[in-house]
Amino acid sequence: MSKGYFSKTVKGIYEKISFWGIDHNASEIEKDFTILINQYLALLTLIFFSHGIAIYTFIAFTVDSLFLLSISLLFALSYAIKEYRKNKYVILVTFILLNFIITYYSSFCGVESCVFLFYFPLFLAIPFFLNYPRNKTEIFIISIIILGSLYLSAIYNFNLIPQSDLVVKYHYQNKLLIMNITFSLLIFRITYYFVGEKKREDYMLVDFNVTKDQYIKDLQIKIETLEEQHKKEKLSEADISEMISLAQTNDSIFIERFDLYFPSFFDTIRSVSKTTLTVSDLYLCAMLKLNFSNKQIALYSNSTVKSVESKKYRLRKKIEIPADQDFTIWITSV
């Protein structure tokens, strides 16, 4: 198996996971948040599964590995109920269940194993799935339960089996301690990143709503400027029709002809992109500039709507278009 094939396969799986359950009629903000949820849950599934396998490999198949594998299975099953992942009651029940599993795991291994560290990434994940003050009741309930369980586990260090049996049965305490610390810190770091990404999108949405009127005015000015540019370049209806025809037939000279009629467009796109744009990227930009829909682009390029959405998402990242701006409107205004 070649390295290129493996890389392409991994990239394909990553994109399928990221775009799972996306509503194509939703706003860009909603789409981006769905992508974040998919990526976050996928990484948590991988981490807990790896942790469980590591304990099974280096220690034994015990309640520890069973606990971790059960959590990874829980995260994996979340993809089957994508319609309910944003439901506050489902989120509330899930947090309580995860808290119960961590408490159970901690009571088996004792405070010395540092299982209680898993409470911290769980607590940090609250603002990722719930928003304050809209979900303040749910946030309060979950916070009290998690903090209460944390202090009970740390203070009383209760065990489900006698301590003497623990010493014999869990002679691997040091290995377990190192693994729990490592993986809990890894989960904490990943959770911190995704919470930050969600907050960044929330702030951009708020800023967008505050400056919406000004944004519309600026957009209108750009549209008028574009119309003047069309007049200056003397684009006739026949010219526009020719470009549309070339685009619909996916003709190889479409890019060349488009660049002839819009000589500064590709240069502007390249100047704001942080990476080199491919011919496929330029083709997509041109199609969006001509106001083709995702379905039309998919039809004319012999691909799927999901593939077009995926290409648009990668292109947004390359050009660094803010999440609060509609991609098509931004391209049209260039």
Protein backbone atom coordinates (compact mmCIF):
# COMPACT_ATOMS: atom_id res chain seq x y z
CA MET A 1 0.00 0.00 0.00
CA SER A 2 1.54 3.31 -1.09
CA LYS A 3 1.94 6.27 1.22
CA GLY A 4 -0.21 8.42 -1.10
CA TYR A 5 -3.06 5.89 -1.05
CA PHE A 6 -2.93 5.65 2.74
CA SER A 7 -2.92 9.44 3.10
CA LYS A 8 -5.84 9.76 0.70
CA THR A 9 -7.80 7.08 2.57
CA VAL A 10 -7.24 8.73 5.96
CA LYS A 11 -8.20 12.12 4.50
CA GLY A 12 -11.38 10.62 3.03
CA ILE A 13 -12.37 9.06 6.36
CA TYR A 14 -11.63 12.32 8.18
CA GLU A 15 -13.85 14.27 5.81
CA LYS A 16 -16.69 11.76 6.05
CA ILE A 17 -16.56 11.96 9.84
CA SER A 18 -16.36 15.77 9.82
CA PHE A 19 -19.31 16.26 7.46
CA TRP A 20 -21.54 13.55 8.92
CA GLY A 21 -25.14 14.69 9.40
CA ILE A 22 -24.64 18.22 8.05
CA ASP A 23 -27.81 20.04 7.06
CA HIS A 24 -27.00 21.62 3.71
CA ASN A 25 -29.76 24.18 4.26
CA ALA A 26 -28.30 25.36 7.56
CA SER A 27 -26.23 28.49 8.06
CA GLU A 28 -22.44 28.46 7.83
CA ILE A 29 -22.24 28.84 11.61
CA GLU A 30 -24.46 25.78 12.17
CA LYS A 31 -22.45 23.76 9.67
CA ASP A 32 -19.14 24.71 11.29
CA PHE A 33 -20.44 23.79 14.74
CA THR A 34 -21.67 20.40 13.47
CA ILE A 35 -18.21 19.80 12.00
CA LEU A 36 -16.63 20.68 15.36
CA ILE A 37 -18.92 18.25 17.21
CA ASN A 38 -18.11 15.46 14.76
CA GLN A 39 -14.37 16.03 15.01
CA TYR A 40 -14.45 16.36 18.80
CA LEU A 41 -16.45 13.16 19.35
CA ALA A 42 -14.29 11.26 16.86
CA LEU A 43 -11.10 12.27 18.69
CA LEU A 44 -12.60 11.35 22.07
CA THR A 45 -13.64 7.97 20.69
CA LEU A 46 -10.11 7.36 19.41
CA ILE A 47 -8.45 8.49 22.67
CA PHE A 48 -10.60 6.39 25.01
CA PHE A 49 -10.36 3.39 22.71
CA SER A 50 -6.56 3.73 22.58
CA HIS A 51 -6.41 4.10 26.36
CA GLY A 52 -8.47 0.94 26.86
CA ILE A 53 -6.32 -1.02 24.39
CA ALA A 54 -3.14 0.28 26.07
CA ILE A 55 -4.28 -0.98 29.49
CA TYR A 56 -5.30 -4.30 27.98
CA THR A 57 -1.93 -4.64 26.21
CA PHE A 58 0.44 -3.54 28.97
CA ILE A 59 -1.51 -4.67 32.04
CA ALA A 60 -4.55 -6.93 31.57
CA PHE A 61 -8.18 -6.96 30.55
CA THR A 62 -9.66 -5.48 33.71
CA VAL A 63 -12.46 -3.16 34.73
CA ASP A 64 -10.16 -0.30 33.67
CA SER A 65 -9.99 -1.30 30.02
CA LEU A 66 -13.68 -2.26 30.04
CA PHE A 67 -14.56 1.19 31.39
CA LEU A 68 -12.55 3.00 28.73
CA LEU A 69 -13.80 0.87 25.87
CA SER A 70 -17.40 1.40 27.02
CA ILE A 71 -16.91 5.19 26.91
CA SER A 72 -15.38 5.00 23.44
CA LEU A 73 -18.41 2.95 22.35
CA LEU A 74 -20.72 5.58 23.85
CA PHE A 75 -19.05 8.34 21.82
CA ALA A 76 -19.13 6.20 18.67
CA LEU A 77 -22.87 5.56 19.12
CA SER A 78 -23.47 9.32 19.23
CA TYR A 79 -23.10 9.35 15.45
CA ALA A 80 -26.21 7.18 15.17
CA ILE A 81 -28.31 9.75 17.03
CA LYS A 82 -27.07 12.87 15.26
CA GLU A 83 -30.57 14.40 15.39
CA TYR A 84 -30.45 14.51 19.19
CA ARG A 85 -26.84 15.49 19.89
CA LYS A 86 -27.79 19.14 20.32
CA ASN A 87 -30.84 18.38 22.48
CA LYS A 88 -30.19 19.79 25.96
CA TYR A 89 -31.89 16.86 27.72
CA VAL A 90 -29.84 14.31 25.82
CA ILE A 91 -26.70 16.29 26.67
CA LEU A 92 -27.73 16.45 30.33
CA VAL A 93 -28.30 12.69 30.56
CA THR A 94 -25.03 11.97 28.73
CA PHE A 95 -22.99 14.14 31.10
CA ILE A 96 -24.60 12.48 34.11
CA LEU A 97 -23.92 9.02 32.66
CA LEU A 98 -20.27 9.87 31.95
CA ASN A 99 -19.93 11.28 35.46
CA PHE A 100 -21.36 8.05 36.89
CA ILE A 101 -18.92 5.94 34.83
CA ILE A 102 -15.94 7.99 36.00
CA THR A 103 -17.09 7.75 39.63
CA TYR A 104 -17.51 3.99 39.30
CA TYR A 105 -14.09 3.66 37.71
CA SER A 106 -12.52 5.83 40.41
CA SER A 107 -14.14 3.78 43.19
CA PHE A 108 -12.55 0.65 41.75
CA CYS A 109 -9.03 1.98 41.43
CA GLY A 110 -8.84 4.48 44.26
CA VAL A 111 -7.65 8.08 44.31
CA GLU A 112 -4.02 6.93 43.91
CA SER A 113 -4.70 5.97 40.29
CA CYS A 114 -5.68 9.60 39.48
CA VAL A 115 -8.87 8.49 37.74
CA PHE A 116 -10.50 11.60 39.26
CA LEU A 117 -8.52 13.68 36.73
CA PHE A 118 -11.09 12.69 34.10
CA TYR A 119 -13.61 14.91 35.92
CA PHE A 120 -11.73 18.01 34.75
CA PRO A 121 -12.04 17.56 30.95
CA LEU A 122 -15.66 16.51 31.54
CA PHE A 123 -16.28 19.74 33.45
CA LEU A 124 -14.47 21.79 30.80
CA ALA A 125 -16.62 20.27 28.03
CA ILE A 126 -19.82 21.82 29.45
CA PRO A 127 -19.49 25.18 27.60
CA PHE A 128 -18.81 23.34 24.34
CA PHE A 129 -22.20 21.61 24.28
CA LEU A 130 -24.28 24.10 26.28
CA ASN A 131 -24.59 27.88 26.12
CA TYR A 132 -25.00 30.30 29.00
CA PRO A 133 -27.47 31.78 29.88
CA ARG A 134 -29.79 29.86 27.53
CA ASN A 135 -28.96 26.54 29.25
CA LYS A 136 -28.05 27.88 32.69
CA THR A 137 -30.27 25.35 34.54
CA GLU A 138 -28.66 22.38 32.79
CA ILE A 139 -25.18 23.86 33.29
CA PHE A 140 -25.86 24.32 37.01
CA ILE A 141 -27.13 20.75 37.43
CA ILE A 142 -24.20 19.18 35.58
CA SER A 143 -21.64 21.37 37.38
CA ILE A 144 -22.99 20.46 40.83
CA ILE A 145 -23.03 16.74 40.01
CA ILE A 146 -19.49 16.70 38.59
CA LEU A 147 -17.97 18.82 41.38
CA GLY A 148 -19.83 16.82 44.02
CA SER A 149 -18.58 13.53 42.60
CA LEU A 150 -15.04 14.91 42.34
CA TYR A 151 -14.88 15.96 45.99
CA LEU A 152 -16.51 12.75 47.21
CA SER A 153 -14.00 10.64 45.27
CA ALA A 154 -11.03 12.72 46.44
CA ILE A 155 -12.03 13.08 50.10
CA TYR A 156 -13.48 9.67 50.95
CA ASN A 157 -11.51 7.56 48.44
CA PHE A 158 -14.23 4.92 48.64
CA ASN A 159 -13.64 1.52 47.03
CA LEU A 160 -16.05 -1.11 45.74
CA ILE A 161 -13.76 -3.92 46.92
CA PRO A 162 -11.64 -4.10 50.12
CA GLN A 163 -8.29 -2.27 50.04
CA SER A 164 -6.38 -5.48 50.79
CA ASP A 165 -7.78 -7.08 47.66
CA LEU A 166 -6.95 -3.97 45.68
CA VAL A 167 -3.28 -4.22 46.65
CA VAL A 168 -3.14 -7.76 45.31
CA LYS A 169 -5.39 -7.35 42.29
CA TYR A 170 -4.11 -3.95 41.20
CA HIS A 171 -0.39 -4.47 41.53
CA TYR A 172 -0.05 -2.43 38.34
CA GLN A 173 -1.03 0.79 40.14
CA ASN A 174 1.98 2.79 38.93
CA LYS A 175 1.42 1.88 35.28
CA LEU A 176 -2.24 2.75 35.60
CA LEU A 177 -1.35 6.04 37.29
CA ILE A 178 0.94 7.09 34.43
CA MET A 179 -1.60 6.11 31.76
CA ASN A 180 -4.48 7.90 33.48
CA ILE A 181 -2.48 11.09 33.93
CA THR A 182 -1.28 11.05 30.31
CA PHE A 183 -4.64 10.39 28.69
CA SER A 184 -6.61 12.70 30.97
CA LEU A 185 -4.23 15.57 30.17
CA LEU A 186 -4.52 14.75 26.47
CA ILE A 187 -8.33 14.85 26.67
CA PHE A 188 -8.15 18.10 28.65
CA ARG A 189 -5.97 19.71 25.97
CA ILE A 190 -8.20 18.60 23.11
CA THR A 191 -11.33 19.74 24.94
CA TYR A 192 -9.73 23.10 25.64
CA TYR A 193 -8.99 23.50 21.94
CA PHE A 194 -12.54 22.70 20.82
CA VAL A 195 -14.11 24.92 23.48
CA GLY A 196 -11.88 27.72 22.22
CA GLU A 197 -12.94 27.07 18.62
CA LYS A 198 -16.61 27.15 19.58
CA LYS A 199 -16.17 30.36 21.57
CA ARG A 200 -14.37 31.93 18.63
CA GLU A 201 -17.32 31.12 16.37
CA ASP A 202 -19.78 32.45 18.97
CA TYR A 203 -17.89 35.73 19.22
CA MET A 204 -17.76 36.04 15.45
CA LEU A 205 -21.51 35.45 15.26
CA VAL A 206 -22.19 38.13 17.88
CA ASP A 207 -19.89 40.55 16.10
CA PHE A 208 -21.59 39.74 12.81
CA ASN A 209 -25.05 40.45 14.24
CA VAL A 210 -23.86 43.76 15.71
CA THR A 211 -22.31 44.92 12.43
CA LYS A 212 -24.87 43.31 10.12
CA ASP A 213 -26.25 46.58 8.75
CA GLN A 214 -22.79 47.91 7.98
CA TYR A 215 -21.86 44.57 6.40
CA ILE A 216 -24.87 44.77 4.05
CA LYS A 217 -23.98 48.33 3.08
CA ASP A 218 -20.38 47.36 2.35
CA LEU A 219 -21.59 44.40 0.33
CA GLN A 220 -23.90 46.62 -1.72
CA ILE A 221 -20.99 48.92 -2.51
CA LYS A 222 -18.90 45.96 -3.64
CA ILE A 223 -21.72 44.69 -5.84
CA GLU A 224 -22.05 48.10 -7.45
CA THR A 225 -18.30 48.19 -7.97
CA LEU A 226 -18.45 44.76 -9.59
CA GLU A 227 -21.22 45.91 -11.91
CA GLU A 228 -19.11 48.89 -12.90
CA GLN A 229 -16.21 46.56 -13.53
CA HIS A 230 -18.40 44.44 -15.81
CA LYS A 231 -19.38 47.52 -17.76
CA LYS A 232 -15.78 48.67 -17.97
CA GLU A 233 -14.64 45.30 -19.22
CA LYS A 234 -17.55 45.30 -21.67
CA LEU A 235 -18.87 41.89 -20.71
CA SER A 236 -21.80 41.17 -22.98
CA GLU A 237 -24.58 38.68 -22.40
CA ALA A 238 -22.92 36.48 -25.01
CA ASP A 239 -19.68 36.51 -23.01
CA ILE A 240 -21.49 35.52 -19.82
CA SER A 241 -23.44 32.83 -21.67
CA GLU A 242 -20.22 31.42 -23.10
CA MET A 243 -18.60 31.14 -19.68
CA ILE A 244 -21.68 29.49 -18.21
CA SER A 245 -21.76 27.02 -21.11
CA LEU A 246 -18.08 26.16 -20.62
CA ALA A 247 -18.67 25.70 -16.90
CA GLN A 248 -21.66 23.43 -17.45
CA THR A 249 -19.68 21.17 -19.78
CA ASN A 250 -16.62 21.25 -17.49
CA ASP A 251 -14.54 22.40 -20.44
CA SER A 252 -10.78 22.58 -19.88
CA ILE A 253 -10.58 26.15 -21.19
CA PHE A 254 -13.18 27.42 -18.69
CA ILE A 255 -10.52 28.69 -16.25
CA GLU A 256 -8.59 30.40 -19.04
CA ARG A 257 -11.69 32.11 -20.42
CA PHE A 258 -12.88 33.12 -16.96
CA ASP A 259 -9.49 34.69 -16.19
CA LEU A 260 -9.77 36.64 -19.43
CA TYR A 261 -13.08 38.21 -18.40
CA PHE A 262 -12.16 38.63 -14.71
CA PRO A 263 -8.41 39.36 -14.88
CA SER A 264 -7.98 40.40 -11.25
CA PHE A 265 -10.17 37.77 -9.59
CA PHE A 266 -7.70 34.86 -9.32
CA ASP A 267 -4.86 37.20 -8.33
CA THR A 268 -6.98 38.56 -5.47
CA ILE A 269 -7.94 35.06 -4.31
CA ARG A 270 -4.33 33.90 -4.42
CA SER A 271 -3.14 36.95 -2.49
CA VAL A 272 -5.38 36.21 0.52
CA SER A 273 -4.80 32.44 0.53
CA LYS A 274 -2.30 31.12 3.06
CA THR A 275 -1.45 28.13 0.83
CA THR A 276 -1.08 27.55 -2.90
CA LEU A 277 -4.45 27.09 -4.59
CA THR A 278 -4.94 24.17 -6.99
CA VAL A 279 -6.73 24.27 -10.34
CA SER A 280 -9.65 22.55 -8.61
CA ASP A 281 -9.73 25.37 -6.02
CA LEU A 282 -9.75 28.03 -8.75
CA TYR A 283 -12.49 26.18 -10.62
CA LEU A 284 -14.66 26.15 -7.49
CA CYS A 285 -14.02 29.85 -6.88
CA ALA A 286 -14.99 30.66 -10.44
CA MET A 287 -18.19 28.59 -10.22
CA LEU A 288 -19.17 30.36 -7.01
CA LYS A 289 -18.35 33.72 -8.57
CA LEU A 290 -20.85 32.88 -11.32
CA ASN A 291 -23.41 32.10 -8.59
CA PHE A 292 -23.74 28.36 -9.26
CA SER A 293 -25.37 26.38 -6.41
CA ASN A 294 -23.73 23.39 -4.72
CA LYS A 295 -26.03 21.01 -6.60
CA GLN A 296 -25.17 22.61 -9.94
CA ILE A 297 -21.43 22.50 -9.21
CA ALA A 298 -21.71 18.83 -8.22
CA LEU A 299 -23.62 18.04 -11.42
CA TYR A 300 -21.25 19.87 -13.77
CA SER A 301 -18.08 18.55 -12.09
CA ASN A 302 -19.32 14.93 -11.85
CA SER A 303 -19.14 14.87 -8.06
CA THR A 304 -21.52 14.86 -5.10
CA VAL A 305 -23.02 17.70 -3.08
CA LYS A 306 -21.16 16.44 0.00
CA SER A 307 -17.90 16.50 -1.96
CA VAL A 308 -18.57 20.10 -2.98
CA GLU A 309 -19.33 21.02 0.64
CA SER A 310 -16.06 19.39 1.67
CA LYS A 311 -14.10 21.30 -0.98
CA LYS A 312 -15.75 24.56 0.08
CA TYR A 313 -14.86 23.89 3.71
CA ARG A 314 -11.18 23.25 2.87
CA LEU A 315 -11.13 26.31 0.62
CA ARG A 316 -12.58 28.47 3.42
CA LYS A 317 -9.72 27.35 5.64
CA LYS A 318 -7.13 28.10 2.96
CA ILE A 319 -8.46 31.58 2.25
CA GLU A 320 -9.25 32.11 5.97
CA ILE A 321 -12.75 33.43 5.38
CA PRO A 322 -14.39 34.26 8.76
CA ALA A 323 -17.09 31.76 9.82
CA ASP A 324 -19.66 34.54 10.14
CA GLN A 325 -19.47 35.34 6.41
CA ASP A 326 -21.33 33.43 3.73
CA PHE A 327 -18.73 31.89 1.43
CA THR A 328 -20.66 32.48 -1.80
CA ILE A 329 -21.40 36.13 -0.95
CA TRP A 330 -17.74 36.69 -0.06
CA ILE A 331 -16.55 35.21 -3.37
CA THR A 332 -19.15 37.22 -5.31
CA SER A 333 -17.94 40.45 -3.73
CA VAL A 334 -14.26 39.88 -4.61
